[in-house]
Amino acid sequence: MEEIIQRNISETLENAKHYKSNLEELLNSLTLAENQIQVSALHTEKQLEERFSQLKRNILDTIDERKKLLTTQVKQVEETSLAPLQQCRGLIQKSLDNADILLNEGSVILKRSNNEAQESLTTFNEKAAEIVSLPEVPSLSDVACISISFNDTWINKLTSHINNYGTVSPQGPVQITETIEQPGAITVF
């Protein structure tokens, strides 16, 4: 009976060693699986950071270019719209200067005696005839009032596209678990 007990104990020990060996293999497999998850997560996070950083740069560059273009257009409209008004301002300023000169000359003529005044009166009357009409100034409704409008519907579309940009997958696009070499080929599992 002792022999049977010894054999049972030996078999149990052998089974325990085999069981322990299998458990150690499972632990190794588990460690490899954990490492794969951690390494692939780090790699994927790095890709994610790079991709979204590039996306941000592209979007911000595009926004900056659009803003620059619109600002240029505003400046062009401003310059185009101001040019005739500035010409009108120059004409009014010249007419205003002429009116000041005429007022000064008229005051001087009034202070002179009749003989002296008669000589300057002809020139004075010619200058006075030039100031009869006022230059035309456009009304506010006839000049530009620069504004901009935005179509915000594309923001919703852009937000939707950004929200759907990228997906996380627990499996890689291709996962090779085993290969078998064959003449002229490799079988992949």
N, C-alpha and C. Protein backbone atom coordinates (compact mmCIF):
# COMPACT_ATOMS: atom_id res chain seq x y z
N MET A 1 0.80 -1.17 0.00
CA MET A 1 0.00 0.00 0.00
C MET A 1 0.86 1.26 0.00
N GLU A 2 1.96 1.12 0.63
CA GLU A 2 2.86 2.24 0.64
C GLU A 2 3.30 2.60 -0.76
N GLU A 3 3.48 1.60 -1.54
CA GLU A 3 3.88 1.82 -2.93
C GLU A 3 2.80 2.55 -3.71
N ILE A 4 1.56 2.24 -3.47
CA ILE A 4 0.43 2.90 -4.14
C ILE A 4 0.37 4.36 -3.69
N ILE A 5 0.57 4.58 -2.43
CA ILE A 5 0.53 5.95 -1.92
C ILE A 5 1.68 6.74 -2.51
N GLN A 6 2.85 6.10 -2.55
CA GLN A 6 4.01 6.78 -3.12
C GLN A 6 3.78 7.08 -4.59
N ARG A 7 3.22 6.13 -5.31
CA ARG A 7 2.92 6.35 -6.73
C ARG A 7 1.90 7.46 -6.92
N ASN A 8 0.86 7.49 -6.07
CA ASN A 8 -0.15 8.55 -6.14
C ASN A 8 0.47 9.91 -5.85
N ILE A 9 1.32 9.92 -4.85
CA ILE A 9 1.99 11.18 -4.50
C ILE A 9 2.89 11.60 -5.64
N SER A 10 3.63 10.67 -6.22
CA SER A 10 4.53 10.98 -7.35
C SER A 10 3.72 11.48 -8.54
N GLU A 11 2.61 10.82 -8.84
CA GLU A 11 1.76 11.26 -9.95
C GLU A 11 1.18 12.65 -9.65
N THR A 12 0.78 12.86 -8.42
CA THR A 12 0.24 14.17 -8.03
C THR A 12 1.31 15.24 -8.17
N LEU A 13 2.52 14.91 -7.73
CA LEU A 13 3.62 15.86 -7.86
C LEU A 13 3.91 16.14 -9.33
N GLU A 14 3.92 15.09 -10.14
CA GLU A 14 4.15 15.26 -11.58
C GLU A 14 3.05 16.13 -12.20
N ASN A 15 1.81 15.86 -11.83
CA ASN A 15 0.68 16.67 -12.32
C ASN A 15 0.80 18.12 -11.84
N ALA A 16 1.23 18.31 -10.59
CA ALA A 16 1.39 19.66 -10.04
C ALA A 16 2.50 20.40 -10.78
N LYS A 17 3.62 19.69 -11.09
CA LYS A 17 4.71 20.33 -11.85
C LYS A 17 4.22 20.73 -13.24
N HIS A 18 3.49 19.80 -13.87
CA HIS A 18 2.94 20.10 -15.21
C HIS A 18 1.96 21.27 -15.13
N TYR A 19 1.11 21.25 -14.11
CA TYR A 19 0.14 22.32 -13.89
C TYR A 19 0.86 23.65 -13.66
N LYS A 20 1.91 23.62 -12.82
CA LYS A 20 2.69 24.82 -12.54
C LYS A 20 3.35 25.34 -13.81
N SER A 21 3.89 24.42 -14.61
CA SER A 21 4.53 24.80 -15.88
C SER A 21 3.51 25.45 -16.81
N ASN A 22 2.33 24.86 -16.88
CA ASN A 22 1.26 25.45 -17.72
C ASN A 22 0.85 26.84 -17.21
N LEU A 23 0.75 26.98 -15.88
CA LEU A 23 0.41 28.28 -15.30
C LEU A 23 1.49 29.32 -15.63
N GLU A 24 2.76 28.93 -15.54
CA GLU A 24 3.85 29.86 -15.86
C GLU A 24 3.80 30.27 -17.34
N GLU A 25 3.48 29.31 -18.22
CA GLU A 25 3.31 29.64 -19.64
C GLU A 25 2.15 30.61 -19.84
N LEU A 26 1.08 30.37 -19.10
CA LEU A 26 -0.07 31.27 -19.18
C LEU A 26 0.30 32.67 -18.69
N LEU A 27 1.08 32.72 -17.59
CA LEU A 27 1.53 34.02 -17.10
C LEU A 27 2.41 34.73 -18.13
N ASN A 28 3.29 33.98 -18.77
CA ASN A 28 4.12 34.57 -19.83
C ASN A 28 3.26 35.09 -20.97
N SER A 29 2.28 34.28 -21.38
CA SER A 29 1.37 34.71 -22.44
C SER A 29 0.59 35.95 -22.01
N LEU A 30 0.15 35.96 -20.76
CA LEU A 30 -0.58 37.10 -20.22
C LEU A 30 0.31 38.35 -20.20
N THR A 31 1.57 38.19 -19.80
CA THR A 31 2.51 39.30 -19.79
C THR A 31 2.73 39.84 -21.20
N LEU A 32 2.88 38.93 -22.16
CA LEU A 32 3.03 39.36 -23.56
C LEU A 32 1.79 40.11 -24.04
N ALA A 33 0.62 39.62 -23.66
CA ALA A 33 -0.63 40.28 -24.07
C ALA A 33 -0.73 41.67 -23.43
N GLU A 34 -0.39 41.77 -22.14
CA GLU A 34 -0.42 43.07 -21.47
C GLU A 34 0.57 44.04 -22.12
N ASN A 35 1.77 43.54 -22.40
CA ASN A 35 2.77 44.38 -23.07
C ASN A 35 2.29 44.85 -24.44
N GLN A 36 1.67 43.94 -25.18
CA GLN A 36 1.15 44.31 -26.50
C GLN A 36 0.12 45.42 -26.37
N ILE A 37 -0.76 45.30 -25.40
CA ILE A 37 -1.79 46.33 -25.19
C ILE A 37 -1.15 47.65 -24.81
N GLN A 38 -0.20 47.61 -23.85
CA GLN A 38 0.43 48.85 -23.39
C GLN A 38 1.26 49.50 -24.48
N VAL A 39 2.05 48.71 -25.20
CA VAL A 39 2.90 49.27 -26.26
C VAL A 39 2.03 49.80 -27.40
N SER A 40 1.01 49.05 -27.78
CA SER A 40 0.15 49.52 -28.87
C SER A 40 -0.65 50.75 -28.45
N ALA A 41 -1.02 50.83 -27.17
CA ALA A 41 -1.73 52.02 -26.68
C ALA A 41 -0.81 53.24 -26.75
N LEU A 42 0.44 53.09 -26.31
CA LEU A 42 1.39 54.21 -26.39
C LEU A 42 1.63 54.62 -27.83
N HIS A 43 1.81 53.65 -28.71
CA HIS A 43 2.03 53.93 -30.13
C HIS A 43 0.81 54.65 -30.72
N THR A 44 -0.37 54.17 -30.40
CA THR A 44 -1.60 54.76 -30.93
C THR A 44 -1.81 56.17 -30.38
N GLU A 45 -1.51 56.38 -29.10
CA GLU A 45 -1.62 57.73 -28.52
C GLU A 45 -0.66 58.69 -29.19
N LYS A 46 0.54 58.21 -29.51
CA LYS A 46 1.52 59.06 -30.21
C LYS A 46 1.00 59.41 -31.61
N GLN A 47 0.47 58.41 -32.32
CA GLN A 47 -0.11 58.67 -33.65
C GLN A 47 -1.27 59.67 -33.53
N LEU A 48 -2.09 59.48 -32.52
CA LEU A 48 -3.24 60.35 -32.29
C LEU A 48 -2.78 61.79 -32.07
N GLU A 49 -1.78 61.97 -31.22
CA GLU A 49 -1.26 63.30 -30.93
C GLU A 49 -0.68 63.95 -32.19
N GLU A 50 0.11 63.18 -32.94
CA GLU A 50 0.70 63.70 -34.18
C GLU A 50 -0.38 64.08 -35.19
N ARG A 51 -1.36 63.21 -35.36
CA ARG A 51 -2.40 63.44 -36.37
C ARG A 51 -3.24 64.67 -36.02
N PHE A 52 -3.65 64.78 -34.76
CA PHE A 52 -4.49 65.91 -34.38
C PHE A 52 -3.69 67.21 -34.31
N SER A 53 -2.41 67.12 -34.00
CA SER A 53 -1.57 68.32 -34.05
C SER A 53 -1.48 68.83 -35.49
N GLN A 54 -1.29 67.90 -36.42
CA GLN A 54 -1.24 68.28 -37.84
C GLN A 54 -2.59 68.82 -38.30
N LEU A 55 -3.67 68.18 -37.86
CA LEU A 55 -5.00 68.65 -38.21
C LEU A 55 -5.22 70.07 -37.69
N LYS A 56 -4.83 70.33 -36.44
CA LYS A 56 -4.96 71.68 -35.88
C LYS A 56 -4.17 72.69 -36.70
N ARG A 57 -2.92 72.33 -37.03
CA ARG A 57 -2.09 73.25 -37.82
C ARG A 57 -2.75 73.54 -39.16
N ASN A 58 -3.23 72.48 -39.82
CA ASN A 58 -3.88 72.67 -41.13
C ASN A 58 -5.12 73.55 -41.02
N ILE A 59 -5.94 73.28 -40.01
CA ILE A 59 -7.17 74.07 -39.84
C ILE A 59 -6.82 75.52 -39.50
N LEU A 60 -5.88 75.72 -38.57
CA LEU A 60 -5.52 77.08 -38.19
C LEU A 60 -4.87 77.82 -39.36
N ASP A 61 -4.03 77.13 -40.14
CA ASP A 61 -3.43 77.76 -41.33
C ASP A 61 -4.51 78.17 -42.32
N THR A 62 -5.48 77.29 -42.53
CA THR A 62 -6.57 77.59 -43.46
C THR A 62 -7.41 78.75 -42.95
N ILE A 63 -7.69 78.76 -41.65
CA ILE A 63 -8.46 79.87 -41.05
C ILE A 63 -7.68 81.18 -41.20
N ASP A 64 -6.38 81.14 -40.91
CA ASP A 64 -5.55 82.35 -41.03
C ASP A 64 -5.52 82.85 -42.48
N GLU A 65 -5.40 81.92 -43.44
CA GLU A 65 -5.40 82.32 -44.86
C GLU A 65 -6.73 82.95 -45.24
N ARG A 66 -7.83 82.36 -44.78
CA ARG A 66 -9.15 82.90 -45.10
C ARG A 66 -9.33 84.29 -44.48
N LYS A 67 -8.90 84.43 -43.22
CA LYS A 67 -9.00 85.72 -42.55
C LYS A 67 -8.17 86.76 -43.29
N LYS A 68 -6.99 86.38 -43.72
CA LYS A 68 -6.11 87.31 -44.45
C LYS A 68 -6.76 87.72 -45.77
N LEU A 69 -7.35 86.76 -46.48
CA LEU A 69 -8.02 87.07 -47.74
C LEU A 69 -9.19 88.02 -47.52
N LEU A 70 -10.03 87.73 -46.52
CA LEU A 70 -11.18 88.59 -46.24
C LEU A 70 -10.74 89.99 -45.80
N THR A 71 -9.67 90.06 -45.00
CA THR A 71 -9.15 91.36 -44.57
C THR A 71 -8.66 92.15 -45.78
N THR A 72 -7.99 91.47 -46.71
CA THR A 72 -7.53 92.12 -47.94
C THR A 72 -8.72 92.65 -48.74
N GLN A 73 -9.77 91.85 -48.83
CA GLN A 73 -10.96 92.28 -49.55
C GLN A 73 -11.60 93.50 -48.88
N VAL A 74 -11.64 93.51 -47.55
CA VAL A 74 -12.18 94.67 -46.82
C VAL A 74 -11.36 95.91 -47.15
N LYS A 75 -10.04 95.77 -47.12
CA LYS A 75 -9.16 96.91 -47.42
C LYS A 75 -9.36 97.40 -48.85
N GLN A 76 -9.53 96.47 -49.78
CA GLN A 76 -9.76 96.86 -51.18
C GLN A 76 -11.07 97.63 -51.33
N VAL A 77 -12.13 97.13 -50.71
CA VAL A 77 -13.43 97.82 -50.77
C VAL A 77 -13.31 99.19 -50.11
N GLU A 78 -12.60 99.24 -48.97
CA GLU A 78 -12.42 100.51 -48.27
C GLU A 78 -11.69 101.52 -49.16
N GLU A 79 -10.59 101.08 -49.77
CA GLU A 79 -9.81 101.98 -50.62
C GLU A 79 -10.63 102.43 -51.84
N THR A 80 -11.31 101.49 -52.47
CA THR A 80 -12.13 101.81 -53.64
C THR A 80 -13.25 102.77 -53.27
N SER A 81 -13.85 102.55 -52.11
CA SER A 81 -14.98 103.38 -51.69
C SER A 81 -14.52 104.75 -51.20
N LEU A 82 -13.34 104.82 -50.60
CA LEU A 82 -12.85 106.09 -50.07
C LEU A 82 -12.28 107.01 -51.16
N ALA A 83 -11.79 106.43 -52.26
CA ALA A 83 -11.13 107.24 -53.30
C ALA A 83 -12.01 108.40 -53.79
N PRO A 84 -13.26 108.15 -54.21
CA PRO A 84 -14.07 109.29 -54.67
C PRO A 84 -14.39 110.28 -53.54
N LEU A 85 -14.54 109.76 -52.32
CA LEU A 85 -14.82 110.65 -51.19
C LEU A 85 -13.61 111.54 -50.88
N GLN A 86 -12.42 110.97 -51.01
CA GLN A 86 -11.22 111.75 -50.77
C GLN A 86 -11.03 112.81 -51.86
N GLN A 87 -11.41 112.46 -53.10
CA GLN A 87 -11.37 113.45 -54.18
C GLN A 87 -12.36 114.58 -53.88
N CYS A 88 -13.53 114.19 -53.41
CA CYS A 88 -14.55 115.18 -53.05
C CYS A 88 -14.05 116.05 -51.90
N ARG A 89 -13.39 115.44 -50.92
CA ARG A 89 -12.84 116.19 -49.79
C ARG A 89 -11.81 117.21 -50.29
N GLY A 90 -10.96 116.78 -51.22
CA GLY A 90 -9.96 117.69 -51.78
C GLY A 90 -10.61 118.87 -52.47
N LEU A 91 -11.66 118.60 -53.24
CA LEU A 91 -12.38 119.65 -53.95
C LEU A 91 -13.04 120.62 -52.96
N ILE A 92 -13.66 120.06 -51.92
CA ILE A 92 -14.31 120.90 -50.90
C ILE A 92 -13.27 121.73 -50.17
N GLN A 93 -12.13 121.12 -49.81
CA GLN A 93 -11.08 121.85 -49.11
C GLN A 93 -10.54 122.99 -49.96
N LYS A 94 -10.36 122.73 -51.28
CA LYS A 94 -9.90 123.77 -52.19
C LYS A 94 -10.93 124.90 -52.26
N SER A 95 -12.21 124.51 -52.36
CA SER A 95 -13.27 125.52 -52.40
C SER A 95 -13.33 126.30 -51.09
N LEU A 96 -13.12 125.62 -49.97
CA LEU A 96 -13.11 126.27 -48.67
C LEU A 96 -11.95 127.25 -48.57
N ASP A 97 -10.79 126.86 -49.06
CA ASP A 97 -9.62 127.76 -49.06
C ASP A 97 -9.91 128.98 -49.93
N ASN A 98 -10.53 128.75 -51.10
CA ASN A 98 -10.89 129.87 -51.99
C ASN A 98 -11.90 130.80 -51.32
N ALA A 99 -12.85 130.22 -50.57
CA ALA A 99 -13.84 131.04 -49.87
C ALA A 99 -13.17 131.87 -48.79
N ASP A 100 -12.19 131.31 -48.09
CA ASP A 100 -11.44 132.08 -47.08
C ASP A 100 -10.69 133.23 -47.72
N ILE A 101 -10.06 132.94 -48.86
CA ILE A 101 -9.33 134.00 -49.58
C ILE A 101 -10.30 135.10 -50.00
N LEU A 102 -11.45 134.70 -50.52
CA LEU A 102 -12.46 135.67 -50.97
C LEU A 102 -12.96 136.51 -49.79
N LEU A 103 -13.18 135.86 -48.65
CA LEU A 103 -13.62 136.60 -47.46
C LEU A 103 -12.56 137.60 -47.01
N ASN A 104 -11.31 137.20 -47.03
CA ASN A 104 -10.23 138.12 -46.66
C ASN A 104 -10.13 139.28 -47.63
N GLU A 105 -10.18 138.97 -48.93
CA GLU A 105 -10.11 140.03 -49.94
C GLU A 105 -11.30 140.98 -49.80
N GLY A 106 -12.49 140.42 -49.57
CA GLY A 106 -13.68 141.26 -49.41
C GLY A 106 -13.55 142.18 -48.20
N SER A 107 -13.02 141.64 -47.09
CA SER A 107 -12.81 142.47 -45.90
C SER A 107 -11.82 143.59 -46.18
N VAL A 108 -10.76 143.27 -46.93
CA VAL A 108 -9.75 144.28 -47.27
C VAL A 108 -10.36 145.35 -48.18
N ILE A 109 -11.18 144.93 -49.16
CA ILE A 109 -11.82 145.88 -50.10
C ILE A 109 -12.74 146.82 -49.34
N LEU A 110 -13.48 146.28 -48.37
CA LEU A 110 -14.39 147.12 -47.60
C LEU A 110 -13.65 148.17 -46.78
N LYS A 111 -12.44 147.91 -46.40
CA LYS A 111 -11.65 148.85 -45.60
C LYS A 111 -10.97 149.91 -46.46
N ARG A 112 -10.90 149.71 -47.74
CA ARG A 112 -10.24 150.66 -48.63
C ARG A 112 -11.20 151.78 -49.04
N SER A 113 -10.60 152.77 -49.63
CA SER A 113 -11.42 153.85 -50.17
C SER A 113 -12.07 153.38 -51.46
N ASN A 114 -13.02 154.15 -51.96
CA ASN A 114 -13.78 153.77 -53.16
C ASN A 114 -12.88 153.58 -54.37
N ASN A 115 -11.90 154.42 -54.60
CA ASN A 115 -11.02 154.29 -55.78
C ASN A 115 -10.20 153.01 -55.70
N GLU A 116 -9.62 152.77 -54.55
CA GLU A 116 -8.82 151.55 -54.39
C GLU A 116 -9.71 150.31 -54.47
N ALA A 117 -10.91 150.41 -53.94
CA ALA A 117 -11.83 149.29 -53.95
C ALA A 117 -12.29 148.98 -55.36
N GLN A 118 -12.49 149.98 -56.21
CA GLN A 118 -12.95 149.77 -57.59
C GLN A 118 -11.96 148.92 -58.37
N GLU A 119 -10.67 149.14 -58.17
CA GLU A 119 -9.66 148.37 -58.90
C GLU A 119 -9.72 146.88 -58.53
N SER A 120 -9.92 146.54 -57.29
CA SER A 120 -9.93 145.15 -56.83
C SER A 120 -11.29 144.50 -56.98
N LEU A 121 -12.32 145.30 -57.21
CA LEU A 121 -13.68 144.80 -57.26
C LEU A 121 -13.91 143.83 -58.41
N THR A 122 -13.30 144.09 -59.56
CA THR A 122 -13.49 143.21 -60.72
C THR A 122 -12.94 141.81 -60.42
N THR A 123 -11.73 141.75 -59.90
CA THR A 123 -11.13 140.45 -59.55
C THR A 123 -11.96 139.77 -58.47
N PHE A 124 -12.40 140.56 -57.52
CA PHE A 124 -13.21 140.02 -56.43
C PHE A 124 -14.51 139.42 -56.97
N ASN A 125 -15.18 140.09 -57.89
CA ASN A 125 -16.43 139.60 -58.47
C ASN A 125 -16.21 138.33 -59.29
N GLU A 126 -15.08 138.24 -59.99
CA GLU A 126 -14.78 137.02 -60.76
C GLU A 126 -14.62 135.83 -59.83
N LYS A 127 -13.90 136.06 -58.72
CA LYS A 127 -13.71 134.97 -57.75
C LYS A 127 -15.03 134.63 -57.07
N ALA A 128 -15.86 135.61 -56.81
CA ALA A 128 -17.16 135.37 -56.16
C ALA A 128 -18.07 134.55 -57.07
N ALA A 129 -17.96 134.73 -58.39
CA ALA A 129 -18.79 133.99 -59.34
C ALA A 129 -18.44 132.49 -59.32
N GLU A 130 -17.20 132.17 -58.95
CA GLU A 130 -16.77 130.77 -58.93
C GLU A 130 -17.35 129.99 -57.75
N ILE A 131 -17.77 130.66 -56.70
CA ILE A 131 -18.24 129.94 -55.51
C ILE A 131 -19.76 129.83 -55.44
N VAL A 132 -20.41 129.99 -56.54
CA VAL A 132 -21.86 129.95 -56.52
C VAL A 132 -22.39 128.54 -56.26
N SER A 133 -21.74 127.52 -56.83
CA SER A 133 -22.26 126.16 -56.66
C SER A 133 -21.42 125.38 -55.65
N LEU A 134 -22.10 124.55 -54.91
CA LEU A 134 -21.44 123.69 -53.92
C LEU A 134 -21.18 122.33 -54.57
N PRO A 135 -20.04 121.73 -54.24
CA PRO A 135 -19.80 120.38 -54.76
C PRO A 135 -20.81 119.40 -54.17
N GLU A 136 -21.09 118.37 -54.92
CA GLU A 136 -22.06 117.38 -54.45
C GLU A 136 -21.35 116.34 -53.58
N VAL A 137 -21.92 116.10 -52.42
CA VAL A 137 -21.40 115.08 -51.50
C VAL A 137 -22.42 113.94 -51.50
N PRO A 138 -21.94 112.71 -51.71
CA PRO A 138 -22.89 111.58 -51.72
C PRO A 138 -23.52 111.38 -50.34
N SER A 139 -24.77 110.95 -50.36
CA SER A 139 -25.45 110.68 -49.08
C SER A 139 -24.92 109.35 -48.51
N LEU A 140 -25.16 109.14 -47.24
CA LEU A 140 -24.69 107.91 -46.60
C LEU A 140 -25.26 106.66 -47.25
N SER A 141 -26.46 106.77 -47.79
CA SER A 141 -27.06 105.59 -48.44
C SER A 141 -26.39 105.29 -49.77
N ASP A 142 -25.64 106.27 -50.33
CA ASP A 142 -24.98 106.07 -51.61
C ASP A 142 -23.52 105.60 -51.47
N VAL A 143 -23.03 105.57 -50.26
CA VAL A 143 -21.64 105.13 -50.07
C VAL A 143 -21.62 103.75 -49.43
N ALA A 144 -20.48 103.10 -49.54
CA ALA A 144 -20.34 101.75 -49.00
C ALA A 144 -20.47 101.74 -47.48
N CYS A 145 -21.06 100.69 -47.00
CA CYS A 145 -21.08 100.40 -45.57
C CYS A 145 -20.58 98.96 -45.47
N ILE A 146 -19.29 98.81 -45.26
CA ILE A 146 -18.64 97.50 -45.36
C ILE A 146 -19.11 96.61 -44.22
N SER A 147 -19.48 95.41 -44.57
CA SER A 147 -19.90 94.43 -43.57
C SER A 147 -19.49 93.05 -44.06
N ILE A 148 -19.67 92.08 -43.22
CA ILE A 148 -19.36 90.70 -43.59
C ILE A 148 -20.46 89.81 -43.02
N SER A 149 -20.74 88.76 -43.72
CA SER A 149 -21.72 87.79 -43.21
C SER A 149 -21.07 86.41 -43.23
N PHE A 150 -21.50 85.60 -42.31
CA PHE A 150 -20.94 84.26 -42.18
C PHE A 150 -22.06 83.24 -42.27
N ASN A 151 -21.80 82.16 -42.97
CA ASN A 151 -22.73 81.05 -43.04
C ASN A 151 -22.24 80.01 -42.02
N ASP A 152 -22.92 79.95 -40.89
CA ASP A 152 -22.47 79.09 -39.81
C ASP A 152 -22.86 77.62 -39.98
N THR A 153 -23.59 77.28 -41.02
CA THR A 153 -23.98 75.88 -41.18
C THR A 153 -22.77 74.99 -41.43
N TRP A 154 -21.74 75.53 -42.06
CA TRP A 154 -20.55 74.71 -42.31
C TRP A 154 -19.82 74.38 -41.02
N ILE A 155 -19.98 75.23 -39.98
CA ILE A 155 -19.33 74.94 -38.69
C ILE A 155 -19.89 73.65 -38.12
N ASN A 156 -21.21 73.46 -38.23
CA ASN A 156 -21.83 72.22 -37.75
C ASN A 156 -21.30 71.02 -38.54
N LYS A 157 -21.15 71.19 -39.85
CA LYS A 157 -20.62 70.10 -40.68
C LYS A 157 -19.18 69.80 -40.30
N LEU A 158 -18.38 70.86 -40.13
CA LEU A 158 -16.98 70.68 -39.75
C LEU A 158 -16.88 69.99 -38.39
N THR A 159 -17.69 70.44 -37.44
CA THR A 159 -17.70 69.83 -36.11
C THR A 159 -18.08 68.36 -36.20
N SER A 160 -19.07 68.07 -37.01
CA SER A 160 -19.50 66.68 -37.19
C SER A 160 -18.36 65.84 -37.79
N HIS A 161 -17.69 66.38 -38.81
CA HIS A 161 -16.57 65.65 -39.43
C HIS A 161 -15.44 65.43 -38.42
N ILE A 162 -15.15 66.45 -37.64
CA ILE A 162 -14.07 66.32 -36.64
C ILE A 162 -14.48 65.29 -35.58
N ASN A 163 -15.74 65.31 -35.17
CA ASN A 163 -16.21 64.34 -34.18
C ASN A 163 -16.14 62.91 -34.70
N ASN A 164 -16.22 62.73 -36.01
CA ASN A 164 -16.16 61.39 -36.59
C ASN A 164 -14.78 61.05 -37.14
N TYR A 165 -13.81 61.90 -36.90
CA TYR A 165 -12.45 61.70 -37.42
C TYR A 165 -11.70 60.72 -36.54
N GLY A 166 -11.42 59.56 -37.05
CA GLY A 166 -10.65 58.55 -36.33
C GLY A 166 -11.54 57.64 -35.50
N THR A 167 -11.15 56.36 -35.44
CA THR A 167 -11.86 55.40 -34.60
C THR A 167 -10.80 54.53 -33.91
N VAL A 168 -11.10 54.15 -32.70
CA VAL A 168 -10.20 53.28 -31.93
C VAL A 168 -10.68 51.85 -32.11
N SER A 169 -9.73 50.97 -32.43
CA SER A 169 -10.08 49.57 -32.64
C SER A 169 -9.24 48.70 -31.71
N PRO A 170 -9.85 47.73 -31.08
CA PRO A 170 -9.06 46.86 -30.20
C PRO A 170 -8.14 45.92 -30.97
N GLN A 171 -8.36 45.75 -32.25
CA GLN A 171 -7.53 44.90 -33.11
C GLN A 171 -6.87 45.76 -34.17
N GLY A 172 -5.65 45.43 -34.53
CA GLY A 172 -4.99 46.13 -35.62
C GLY A 172 -5.67 45.79 -36.93
N PRO A 173 -5.35 46.53 -37.98
CA PRO A 173 -5.97 46.22 -39.27
C PRO A 173 -5.67 44.80 -39.71
N VAL A 174 -4.46 44.30 -39.39
CA VAL A 174 -4.09 42.91 -39.67
C VAL A 174 -3.33 42.41 -38.45
N GLN A 175 -3.72 41.25 -37.97
CA GLN A 175 -3.02 40.68 -36.83
C GLN A 175 -2.60 39.27 -37.20
N ILE A 176 -1.28 39.07 -37.28
CA ILE A 176 -0.73 37.76 -37.63
C ILE A 176 -0.45 37.01 -36.33
N THR A 177 -1.09 35.88 -36.18
CA THR A 177 -0.90 35.10 -34.95
C THR A 177 0.01 33.90 -35.17
N GLU A 178 0.11 33.41 -36.42
CA GLU A 178 0.94 32.24 -36.69
C GLU A 178 1.26 32.20 -38.18
N THR A 179 2.45 31.74 -38.50
CA THR A 179 2.83 31.54 -39.90
C THR A 179 3.39 30.14 -40.05
N ILE A 180 3.11 29.54 -41.18
CA ILE A 180 3.64 28.22 -41.50
C ILE A 180 4.32 28.33 -42.86
N GLU A 181 5.61 27.97 -42.87
CA GLU A 181 6.35 28.02 -44.13
C GLU A 181 5.99 26.80 -44.96
N GLN A 182 5.75 27.05 -46.23
CA GLN A 182 5.47 25.98 -47.18
C GLN A 182 6.33 26.24 -48.41
N PRO A 183 6.56 25.23 -49.22
CA PRO A 183 7.37 25.45 -50.40
C PRO A 183 6.72 26.53 -51.30
N GLY A 184 7.46 27.63 -51.50
CA GLY A 184 6.97 28.69 -52.38
C GLY A 184 5.91 29.58 -51.77
N ALA A 185 5.62 29.44 -50.48
CA ALA A 185 4.57 30.26 -49.88
C ALA A 185 4.69 30.25 -48.36
N ILE A 186 3.92 31.15 -47.76
CA ILE A 186 3.79 31.18 -46.31
C ILE A 186 2.30 31.24 -46.01
N THR A 187 1.86 30.38 -45.15
CA THR A 187 0.46 30.40 -44.70
C THR A 187 0.42 31.26 -43.45
N VAL A 188 -0.47 32.26 -43.48
CA VAL A 188 -0.57 33.21 -42.38
C VAL A 188 -1.92 32.99 -41.68
N PHE A 189 -1.87 32.97 -40.34
CA PHE A 189 -3.09 32.84 -39.54
C PHE A 189 -3.23 34.03 -38.66
